[in-house]
Amino acid sequence: MNKGELIDKVAEKAQVTKKQADAVLTAAIDSIMEAVSKGDKVTLVGFGSFEPRERKAREGRNPKTGEAMEIPATKVPAFSAGKLFKEMVAPEK
């Protein structure tokens, strides 16, 4: 499912226009990205959490030459699925 298909689904479920659904979805995504980029954790109960995580510096290899190189430490966005989401994807039997 891409963003356009998600907008169609949201518009249908919420009984709003596609333009309204697009505006709300875009605002929600932008708000999550802004908060995480500032170092905050965003938790949507039942769905999951978005947070920045530190990735340590590590040694890697140049794929062309095979020579060792240092990959610097960085921050990366991370998502952890919530319990309800996990159960929907992999129901317990």
PDB file of N, CA and C in Angstrom:
ATOM      1  N   MET A   1       0.851  -1.178   0.000  1.00  0.00           N
ATOM      2  CA  MET A   1       0.000   0.000   0.000  1.00  0.00           C
ATOM      3  C   MET A   1       0.895   1.239   0.000  1.00  0.00           C
ATOM      4  N   ASN A   2       0.633   2.152  -0.903  1.00  0.00           N
ATOM      5  CA  ASN A   2       1.387   3.400  -0.931  1.00  0.00           C
ATOM      6  C   ASN A   2       0.557   4.510  -0.275  1.00  0.00           C
ATOM      7  N   LYS A   3       1.112   5.731  -0.240  1.00  0.00           N
ATOM      8  CA  LYS A   3       0.437   6.827   0.452  1.00  0.00           C
ATOM      9  C   LYS A   3      -0.926   7.136  -0.180  1.00  0.00           C
ATOM     10  N   GLY A   4      -1.008   7.112  -1.502  1.00  0.00           N
ATOM     11  CA  GLY A   4      -2.270   7.390  -2.183  1.00  0.00           C
ATOM     12  C   GLY A   4      -3.342   6.384  -1.817  1.00  0.00           C
ATOM     13  N   GLU A   5      -2.977   5.113  -1.759  1.00  0.00           N
ATOM     14  CA  GLU A   5      -3.933   4.066  -1.388  1.00  0.00           C
ATOM     15  C   GLU A   5      -4.350   4.212   0.078  1.00  0.00           C
ATOM     16  N   LEU A   6      -3.398   4.607   0.924  1.00  0.00           N
ATOM     17  CA  LEU A   6      -3.710   4.821   2.340  1.00  0.00           C
ATOM     18  C   LEU A   6      -4.683   5.992   2.493  1.00  0.00           C
ATOM     19  N   ILE A   7      -4.462   7.043   1.742  1.00  0.00           N
ATOM     20  CA  ILE A   7      -5.367   8.196   1.780  1.00  0.00           C
ATOM     21  C   ILE A   7      -6.773   7.776   1.362  1.00  0.00           C
ATOM     22  N   ASP A   8      -6.879   6.969   0.296  1.00  0.00           N
ATOM     23  CA  ASP A   8      -8.190   6.476  -0.148  1.00  0.00           C
ATOM     24  C   ASP A   8      -8.883   5.697   0.967  1.00  0.00           C
ATOM     25  N   LYS A   9      -8.141   4.832   1.634  1.00  0.00           N
ATOM     26  CA  LYS A   9      -8.698   3.986   2.702  1.00  0.00           C
ATOM     27  C   LYS A   9      -9.142   4.833   3.895  1.00  0.00           C
ATOM     28  N   VAL A  10      -8.311   5.806   4.282  1.00  0.00           N
ATOM     29  CA  VAL A  10      -8.652   6.684   5.404  1.00  0.00           C
ATOM     30  C   VAL A  10      -9.899   7.500   5.074  1.00  0.00           C
ATOM     31  N   ALA A  11      -9.961   8.037   3.861  1.00  0.00           N
ATOM     32  CA  ALA A  11     -11.126   8.827   3.449  1.00  0.00           C
ATOM     33  C   ALA A  11     -12.398   7.995   3.513  1.00  0.00           C
ATOM     34  N   GLU A  12     -12.287   6.743   3.072  1.00  0.00           N
ATOM     35  CA  GLU A  12     -13.441   5.840   3.090  1.00  0.00           C
ATOM     36  C   GLU A  12     -13.870   5.517   4.518  1.00  0.00           C
ATOM     37  N   LYS A  13     -12.913   5.145   5.377  1.00  0.00           N
ATOM     38  CA  LYS A  13     -13.244   4.751   6.757  1.00  0.00           C
ATOM     39  C   LYS A  13     -13.746   5.916   7.595  1.00  0.00           C
ATOM     40  N   ALA A  14     -13.167   7.112   7.392  1.00  0.00           N
ATOM     41  CA  ALA A  14     -13.538   8.277   8.191  1.00  0.00           C
ATOM     42  C   ALA A  14     -14.680   9.070   7.560  1.00  0.00           C
ATOM     43  N   GLN A  15     -15.102   8.647   6.376  1.00  0.00           N
ATOM     44  CA  GLN A  15     -16.173   9.316   5.642  1.00  0.00           C
ATOM     45  C   GLN A  15     -15.888  10.810   5.454  1.00  0.00           C
ATOM     46  N   VAL A  16     -14.666  11.084   4.966  1.00  0.00           N
ATOM     47  CA  VAL A  16     -14.255  12.450   4.622  1.00  0.00           C
ATOM     48  C   VAL A  16     -13.754  12.437   3.183  1.00  0.00           C
ATOM     49  N   THR A  17     -13.490  13.608   2.638  1.00  0.00           N
ATOM     50  CA  THR A  17     -12.983  13.664   1.271  1.00  0.00           C
ATOM     51  C   THR A  17     -11.525  13.222   1.235  1.00  0.00           C
ATOM     52  N   LYS A  18     -11.072  12.835   0.052  1.00  0.00           N
ATOM     53  CA  LYS A  18      -9.672  12.433  -0.098  1.00  0.00           C
ATOM     54  C   LYS A  18      -8.745  13.601   0.208  1.00  0.00           C
ATOM     55  N   LYS A  19      -9.164  14.804  -0.136  1.00  0.00           N
ATOM     56  CA  LYS A  19      -8.357  16.004   0.134  1.00  0.00           C
ATOM     57  C   LYS A  19      -8.202  16.211   1.639  1.00  0.00           C
ATOM     58  N   GLN A  20      -9.280  16.028   2.393  1.00  0.00           N
ATOM     59  CA  GLN A  20      -9.222  16.167   3.850  1.00  0.00           C
ATOM     60  C   GLN A  20      -8.353  15.069   4.459  1.00  0.00           C
ATOM     61  N   ALA A  21      -8.518  13.841   3.981  1.00  0.00           N
ATOM     62  CA  ALA A  21      -7.726  12.722   4.493  1.00  0.00           C
ATOM     63  C   ALA A  21      -6.243  12.946   4.208  1.00  0.00           C
ATOM     64  N   ASP A  22      -5.924  13.451   3.021  1.00  0.00           N
ATOM     65  CA  ASP A  22      -4.530  13.740   2.652  1.00  0.00           C
ATOM     66  C   ASP A  22      -3.945  14.791   3.583  1.00  0.00           C
ATOM     67  N   ALA A  23      -4.702  15.851   3.858  1.00  0.00           N
ATOM     68  CA  ALA A  23      -4.225  16.926   4.728  1.00  0.00           C
ATOM     69  C   ALA A  23      -3.943  16.414   6.137  1.00  0.00           C
ATOM     70  N   VAL A  24      -4.854  15.612   6.667  1.00  0.00           N
ATOM     71  CA  VAL A  24      -4.686  15.080   8.028  1.00  0.00           C
ATOM     72  C   VAL A  24      -3.522  14.097   8.092  1.00  0.00           C
ATOM     73  N   LEU A  25      -3.438  13.187   7.130  1.00  0.00           N
ATOM     74  CA  LEU A  25      -2.364  12.200   7.123  1.00  0.00           C
ATOM     75  C   LEU A  25      -1.001  12.873   6.967  1.00  0.00           C
ATOM     76  N   THR A  26      -0.914  13.835   6.066  1.00  0.00           N
ATOM     77  CA  THR A  26       0.338  14.558   5.862  1.00  0.00           C
ATOM     78  C   THR A  26       0.742  15.318   7.120  1.00  0.00           C
ATOM     79  N   ALA A  27      -0.216  15.967   7.779  1.00  0.00           N
ATOM     80  CA  ALA A  27       0.068  16.697   9.012  1.00  0.00           C
ATOM     81  C   ALA A  27       0.536  15.748  10.114  1.00  0.00           C
ATOM     82  N   ALA A  28      -0.090  14.581  10.221  1.00  0.00           N
ATOM     83  CA  ALA A  28       0.297  13.601  11.242  1.00  0.00           C
ATOM     84  C   ALA A  28       1.713  13.098  11.000  1.00  0.00           C
ATOM     85  N   ILE A  29       2.018  12.748   9.760  1.00  0.00           N
ATOM     86  CA  ILE A  29       3.352  12.238   9.426  1.00  0.00           C
ATOM     87  C   ILE A  29       4.403  13.315   9.671  1.00  0.00           C
ATOM     88  N   ASP A  30       4.123  14.548   9.234  1.00  0.00           N
ATOM     89  CA  ASP A  30       5.060  15.653   9.452  1.00  0.00           C
ATOM     90  C   ASP A  30       5.303  15.892  10.941  1.00  0.00           C
ATOM     91  N   SER A  31       4.238  15.840  11.739  1.00  0.00           N
ATOM     92  CA  SER A  31       4.358  16.056  13.180  1.00  0.00           C
ATOM     93  C   SER A  31       5.208  14.974  13.837  1.00  0.00           C
ATOM     94  N   ILE A  32       5.026  13.730  13.428  1.00  0.00           N
ATOM     95  CA  ILE A  32       5.825  12.620  13.965  1.00  0.00           C
ATOM     96  C   ILE A  32       7.287  12.815  13.585  1.00  0.00           C
ATOM     97  N   MET A  33       7.555  13.143  12.317  1.00  0.00           N
ATOM     98  CA  MET A  33       8.944  13.328  11.869  1.00  0.00           C
ATOM     99  C   MET A  33       9.619  14.491  12.601  1.00  0.00           C
ATOM    100  N   GLU A  34       8.896  15.589  12.800  1.00  0.00           N
ATOM    101  CA  GLU A  34       9.455  16.742  13.519  1.00  0.00           C
ATOM    102  C   GLU A  34       9.798  16.373  14.963  1.00  0.00           C
ATOM    103  N   ALA A  35       8.883  15.683  15.635  1.00  0.00           N
ATOM    104  CA  ALA A  35       9.112  15.318  17.037  1.00  0.00           C
ATOM    105  C   ALA A  35      10.305  14.379  17.174  1.00  0.00           C
ATOM    106  N   VAL A  36      10.372  13.358  16.326  1.00  0.00           N
ATOM    107  CA  VAL A  36      11.472  12.388  16.406  1.00  0.00           C
ATOM    108  C   VAL A  36      12.796  13.058  16.057  1.00  0.00           C
ATOM    109  N   SER A  37      12.784  13.978  15.079  1.00  0.00           N
ATOM    110  CA  SER A  37      14.025  14.655  14.702  1.00  0.00           C
ATOM    111  C   SER A  37      14.542  15.558  15.820  1.00  0.00           C
ATOM    112  N   LYS A  38      13.639  15.999  16.719  1.00  0.00           N
ATOM    113  CA  LYS A  38      14.037  16.818  17.872  1.00  0.00           C
ATOM    114  C   LYS A  38      14.453  15.960  19.064  1.00  0.00           C
ATOM    115  N   GLY A  39      14.362  14.635  18.923  1.00  0.00           N
ATOM    116  CA  GLY A  39      14.778  13.740  19.997  1.00  0.00           C
ATOM    117  C   GLY A  39      13.645  13.209  20.845  1.00  0.00           C
ATOM    118  N   ASP A  40      12.408  13.538  20.502  1.00  0.00           N
ATOM    119  CA  ASP A  40      11.257  13.068  21.279  1.00  0.00           C
ATOM    120  C   ASP A  40      10.801  11.690  20.819  1.00  0.00           C
ATOM    121  N   LYS A  41      10.108  10.991  21.711  1.00  0.00           N
ATOM    122  CA  LYS A  41       9.504   9.703  21.381  1.00  0.00           C
ATOM    123  C   LYS A  41       8.011   9.934  21.164  1.00  0.00           C
ATOM    124  N   VAL A  42       7.459   9.363  20.100  1.00  0.00           N
ATOM    125  CA  VAL A  42       6.033   9.495  19.801  1.00  0.00           C
ATOM    126  C   VAL A  42       5.401   8.120  19.969  1.00  0.00           C
ATOM    127  N   THR A  43       4.442   8.008  20.883  1.00  0.00           N
ATOM    128  CA  THR A  43       3.779   6.738  21.148  1.00  0.00           C
ATOM    129  C   THR A  43       2.314   6.821  20.757  1.00  0.00           C
ATOM    130  N   LEU A  44       1.895   5.898  19.911  1.00  0.00           N
ATOM    131  CA  LEU A  44       0.499   5.769  19.523  1.00  0.00           C
ATOM    132  C   LEU A  44       0.025   4.440  20.094  1.00  0.00           C
ATOM    133  N   VAL A  45      -0.720   4.489  21.191  1.00  0.00           N
ATOM    134  CA  VAL A  45      -1.108   3.293  21.931  1.00  0.00           C
ATOM    135  C   VAL A  45      -1.789   2.288  21.003  1.00  0.00           C
ATOM    136  N   GLY A  46      -1.322   1.056  21.052  1.00  0.00           N
ATOM    137  CA  GLY A  46      -1.869  -0.018  20.226  1.00  0.00           C
ATOM    138  C   GLY A  46      -1.176  -0.133  18.881  1.00  0.00           C
ATOM    139  N   PHE A  47      -0.643   0.983  18.363  1.00  0.00           N
ATOM    140  CA  PHE A  47       0.022   0.973  17.057  1.00  0.00           C
ATOM    141  C   PHE A  47       1.522   0.796  17.219  1.00  0.00           C
ATOM    142  N   GLY A  48       2.153   1.684  17.974  1.00  0.00           N
ATOM    143  CA  GLY A  48       3.591   1.569  18.176  1.00  0.00           C
ATOM    144  C   GLY A  48       4.224   2.887  18.563  1.00  0.00           C
ATOM    145  N   SER A  49       5.566   2.872  18.601  1.00  0.00           N
ATOM    146  CA  SER A  49       6.329   4.047  19.008  1.00  0.00           C
ATOM    147  C   SER A  49       7.396   4.371  17.982  1.00  0.00           C
ATOM    148  N   PHE A  50       7.593   5.662  17.769  1.00  0.00           N
ATOM    149  CA  PHE A  50       8.658   6.166  16.912  1.00  0.00           C
ATOM    150  C   PHE A  50       9.649   6.875  17.822  1.00  0.00           C
ATOM    151  N   GLU A  51      10.939   6.640  17.640  1.00  0.00           N
ATOM    152  CA  GLU A  51      11.934   7.306  18.460  1.00  0.00           C
ATOM    153  C   GLU A  51      13.273   7.358  17.735  1.00  0.00           C
ATOM    154  N   PRO A  52      14.116   8.329  18.118  1.00  0.00           N
ATOM    155  CA  PRO A  52      15.457   8.353  17.552  1.00  0.00           C
ATOM    156  C   PRO A  52      16.344   7.376  18.332  1.00  0.00           C
ATOM    157  N   ARG A  53      17.227   6.690  17.644  1.00  0.00           N
ATOM    158  CA  ARG A  53      18.168   5.792  18.311  1.00  0.00           C
ATOM    159  C   ARG A  53      19.575   6.113  17.850  1.00  0.00           C
ATOM    160  N   GLU A  54      20.512   5.925  18.769  1.00  0.00           N
ATOM    161  CA  GLU A  54      21.924   6.143  18.460  1.00  0.00           C
ATOM    162  C   GLU A  54      22.490   4.889  17.812  1.00  0.00           C
ATOM    163  N   ARG A  55      23.180   5.066  16.721  1.00  0.00           N
ATOM    164  CA  ARG A  55      23.894   3.948  16.097  1.00  0.00           C
ATOM    165  C   ARG A  55      25.380   4.213  16.318  1.00  0.00           C
ATOM    166  N   LYS A  56      26.068   3.273  16.961  1.00  0.00           N
ATOM    167  CA  LYS A  56      27.477   3.443  17.274  1.00  0.00           C
ATOM    168  C   LYS A  56      28.334   3.420  16.018  1.00  0.00           C
ATOM    169  N   ALA A  57      29.516   4.022  16.145  1.00  0.00           N
ATOM    170  CA  ALA A  57      30.486   3.949  15.052  1.00  0.00           C
ATOM    171  C   ALA A  57      30.913   2.489  14.900  1.00  0.00           C
ATOM    172  N   ARG A  58      31.175   2.092  13.670  1.00  0.00           N
ATOM    173  CA  ARG A  58      31.573   0.709  13.450  1.00  0.00           C
ATOM    174  C   ARG A  58      32.463   0.619  12.221  1.00  0.00           C
ATOM    175  N   GLU A  59      33.087  -0.526  12.097  1.00  0.00           N
ATOM    176  CA  GLU A  59      33.970  -0.738  10.951  1.00  0.00           C
ATOM    177  C   GLU A  59      33.182  -1.422   9.844  1.00  0.00           C
ATOM    178  N   GLY A  60      33.378  -0.937   8.634  1.00  0.00           N
ATOM    179  CA  GLY A  60      32.725  -1.533   7.475  1.00  0.00           C
ATOM    180  C   GLY A  60      33.752  -1.779   6.388  1.00  0.00           C
ATOM    181  N   ARG A  61      33.295  -2.220   5.244  1.00  0.00           N
ATOM    182  CA  ARG A  61      34.182  -2.479   4.107  1.00  0.00           C
ATOM    183  C   ARG A  61      33.653  -1.756   2.877  1.00  0.00           C
ATOM    184  N   ASN A  62      34.594  -1.185   2.126  1.00  0.00           N
ATOM    185  CA  ASN A  62      34.243  -0.585   0.847  1.00  0.00           C
ATOM    186  C   ASN A  62      33.922  -1.730  -0.100  1.00  0.00           C
ATOM    187  N   PRO A  63      32.701  -1.776  -0.656  1.00  0.00           N
ATOM    188  CA  PRO A  63      32.329  -2.915  -1.496  1.00  0.00           C
ATOM    189  C   PRO A  63      33.165  -3.039  -2.783  1.00  0.00           C
ATOM    190  N   LYS A  64      33.680  -1.925  -3.287  1.00  0.00           N
ATOM    191  CA  LYS A  64      34.483  -1.977  -4.517  1.00  0.00           C
ATOM    192  C   LYS A  64      35.893  -2.492  -4.264  1.00  0.00           C
ATOM    193  N   THR A  65      36.522  -1.951  -3.216  1.00  0.00           N
ATOM    194  CA  THR A  65      37.932  -2.291  -2.976  1.00  0.00           C
ATOM    195  C   THR A  65      38.115  -3.335  -1.882  1.00  0.00           C
ATOM    196  N   GLY A  66      37.115  -3.505  -1.033  1.00  0.00           N
ATOM    197  CA  GLY A  66      37.240  -4.445   0.068  1.00  0.00           C
ATOM    198  C   GLY A  66      38.030  -3.873   1.233  1.00  0.00           C
ATOM    199  N   GLU A  67      38.476  -2.628   1.110  1.00  0.00           N
ATOM    200  CA  GLU A  67      39.298  -2.027   2.162  1.00  0.00           C
ATOM    201  C   GLU A  67      38.439  -1.610   3.352  1.00  0.00           C
ATOM    202  N   ALA A  68      38.985  -1.755   4.560  1.00  0.00           N
ATOM    203  CA  ALA A  68      38.272  -1.418   5.792  1.00  0.00           C
ATOM    204  C   ALA A  68      38.089   0.091   5.888  1.00  0.00           C
ATOM    205  N   MET A  69      36.926   0.492   6.416  1.00  0.00           N
ATOM    206  CA  MET A  69      36.666   1.922   6.609  1.00  0.00           C
ATOM    207  C   MET A  69      35.830   2.100   7.864  1.00  0.00           C
ATOM    208  N   GLU A  70      35.922   3.281   8.458  1.00  0.00           N
ATOM    209  CA  GLU A  70      35.182   3.590   9.674  1.00  0.00           C
ATOM    210  C   GLU A  70      33.836   4.211   9.283  1.00  0.00           C
ATOM    211  N   ILE A  71      32.736   3.645   9.787  1.00  0.00           N
ATOM    212  CA  ILE A  71      31.407   4.210   9.570  1.00  0.00           C
ATOM    213  C   ILE A  71      31.087   5.005  10.838  1.00  0.00           C
ATOM    214  N   PRO A  72      30.874   6.320  10.716  1.00  0.00           N
ATOM    215  CA  PRO A  72      30.688   7.161  11.908  1.00  0.00           C
ATOM    216  C   PRO A  72      29.379   6.880  12.646  1.00  0.00           C
ATOM    217  N   ALA A  73      29.344   7.256  13.918  1.00  0.00           N
ATOM    218  CA  ALA A  73      28.125   7.146  14.728  1.00  0.00           C
ATOM    219  C   ALA A  73      27.077   8.100  14.158  1.00  0.00           C
ATOM    220  N   THR A  74      25.811   7.731  14.303  1.00  0.00           N
ATOM    221  CA  THR A  74      24.731   8.565  13.795  1.00  0.00           C
ATOM    222  C   THR A  74      23.444   8.272  14.552  1.00  0.00           C
ATOM    223  N   LYS A  75      22.456   9.136  14.344  1.00  0.00           N
ATOM    224  CA  LYS A  75      21.117   8.896  14.887  1.00  0.00           C
ATOM    225  C   LYS A  75      20.246   8.391  13.753  1.00  0.00           C
ATOM    226  N   VAL A  76      19.390   7.426  14.061  1.00  0.00           N
ATOM    227  CA  VAL A  76      18.466   6.893  13.063  1.00  0.00           C
ATOM    228  C   VAL A  76      17.060   6.821  13.662  1.00  0.00           C
ATOM    229  N   PRO A  77      16.029   6.995  12.831  1.00  0.00           N
ATOM    230  CA  PRO A  77      14.675   6.829  13.335  1.00  0.00           C
ATOM    231  C   PRO A  77      14.373   5.338  13.504  1.00  0.00           C
ATOM    232  N   ALA A  78      13.588   5.011  14.532  1.00  0.00           N
ATOM    233  CA  ALA A  78      13.237   3.612  14.776  1.00  0.00           C
ATOM    234  C   ALA A  78      11.749   3.512  15.109  1.00  0.00           C
ATOM    235  N   PHE A  79      11.150   2.399  14.713  1.00  0.00           N
ATOM    236  CA  PHE A  79       9.745   2.130  15.013  1.00  0.00           C
ATOM    237  C   PHE A  79       9.645   0.807  15.752  1.00  0.00           C
ATOM    238  N   SER A  80       8.895   0.796  16.827  1.00  0.00           N
ATOM    239  CA  SER A  80       8.603  -0.434  17.570  1.00  0.00           C
ATOM    240  C   SER A  80       7.102  -0.642  17.540  1.00  0.00           C
ATOM    241  N   ALA A  81       6.672  -1.762  17.005  1.00  0.00           N
ATOM    242  CA  ALA A  81       5.240  -2.049  16.903  1.00  0.00           C
ATOM    243  C   ALA A  81       4.649  -2.295  18.285  1.00  0.00           C
ATOM    244  N   GLY A  82       3.421  -1.839  18.482  1.00  0.00           N
ATOM    245  CA  GLY A  82       2.704  -2.043  19.733  1.00  0.00           C
ATOM    246  C   GLY A  82       2.104  -3.440  19.792  1.00  0.00           C
ATOM    247  N   LYS A  83       1.628  -3.811  20.955  1.00  0.00           N
ATOM    248  CA  LYS A  83       1.095  -5.152  21.190  1.00  0.00           C
ATOM    249  C   LYS A  83      -0.066  -5.483  20.253  1.00  0.00           C
ATOM    250  N   LEU A  84      -1.023  -4.577  20.120  1.00  0.00           N
ATOM    251  CA  LEU A  84      -2.190  -4.813  19.265  1.00  0.00           C
ATOM    252  C   LEU A  84      -1.770  -5.018  17.813  1.00  0.00           C
ATOM    253  N   PHE A  85      -0.837  -4.193  17.340  1.00  0.00           N
ATOM    254  CA  PHE A  85      -0.339  -4.298  15.967  1.00  0.00           C
ATOM    255  C   PHE A  85       0.347  -5.646  15.761  1.00  0.00           C
ATOM    256  N   LYS A  86       1.190  -6.038  16.696  1.00  0.00           N
ATOM    257  CA  LYS A  86       1.889  -7.323  16.599  1.00  0.00           C
ATOM    258  C   LYS A  86       0.901  -8.483  16.559  1.00  0.00           C
ATOM    259  N   GLU A  87      -0.141  -8.403  17.396  1.00  0.00           N
ATOM    260  CA  GLU A  87      -1.136  -9.479  17.431  1.00  0.00           C
ATOM    261  C   GLU A  87      -1.939  -9.553  16.141  1.00  0.00           C
ATOM    262  N   MET A  88      -2.184  -8.410  15.502  1.00  0.00           N
ATOM    263  CA  MET A  88      -2.916  -8.413  14.235  1.00  0.00           C
ATOM    264  C   MET A  88      -2.073  -9.048  13.114  1.00  0.00           C
ATOM    265  N   VAL A  89      -0.776  -8.783  13.151  1.00  0.00           N
ATOM    266  CA  VAL A  89       0.120  -9.316  12.108  1.00  0.00           C
ATOM    267  C   VAL A  89       0.382 -10.809  12.313  1.00  0.00           C
ATOM    268  N   ALA A  90       0.617 -11.189  13.565  1.00  0.00           N
ATOM    269  CA  ALA A  90       0.916 -12.598  13.863  1.00  0.00           C
ATOM    270  C   ALA A  90       0.024 -13.054  15.014  1.00  0.00           C
ATOM    271  N   PRO A  91      -1.229 -13.403  14.711  1.00  0.00           N
ATOM    272  CA  PRO A  91      -2.130 -13.831  15.778  1.00  0.00           C
ATOM    273  C   PRO A  91      -1.641 -15.106  16.460  1.00  0.00           C
ATOM    274  N   GLU A  92      -1.799 -15.134  17.772  1.00  0.00           N
ATOM    275  CA  GLU A  92      -1.401 -16.336  18.515  1.00  0.00           C
ATOM    276  C   GLU A  92      -2.445 -17.411  18.294  1.00  0.00           C
ATOM    277  N   LYS A  93      -1.972 -18.637  18.199  1.00  0.00           N
ATOM    278  CA  LYS A  93      -2.899 -19.744  17.922  1.00  0.00           C
ATOM    279  C   LYS A  93      -3.160 -20.569  19.141  1.00  0.00           C
TER     280      LYS A  93
END
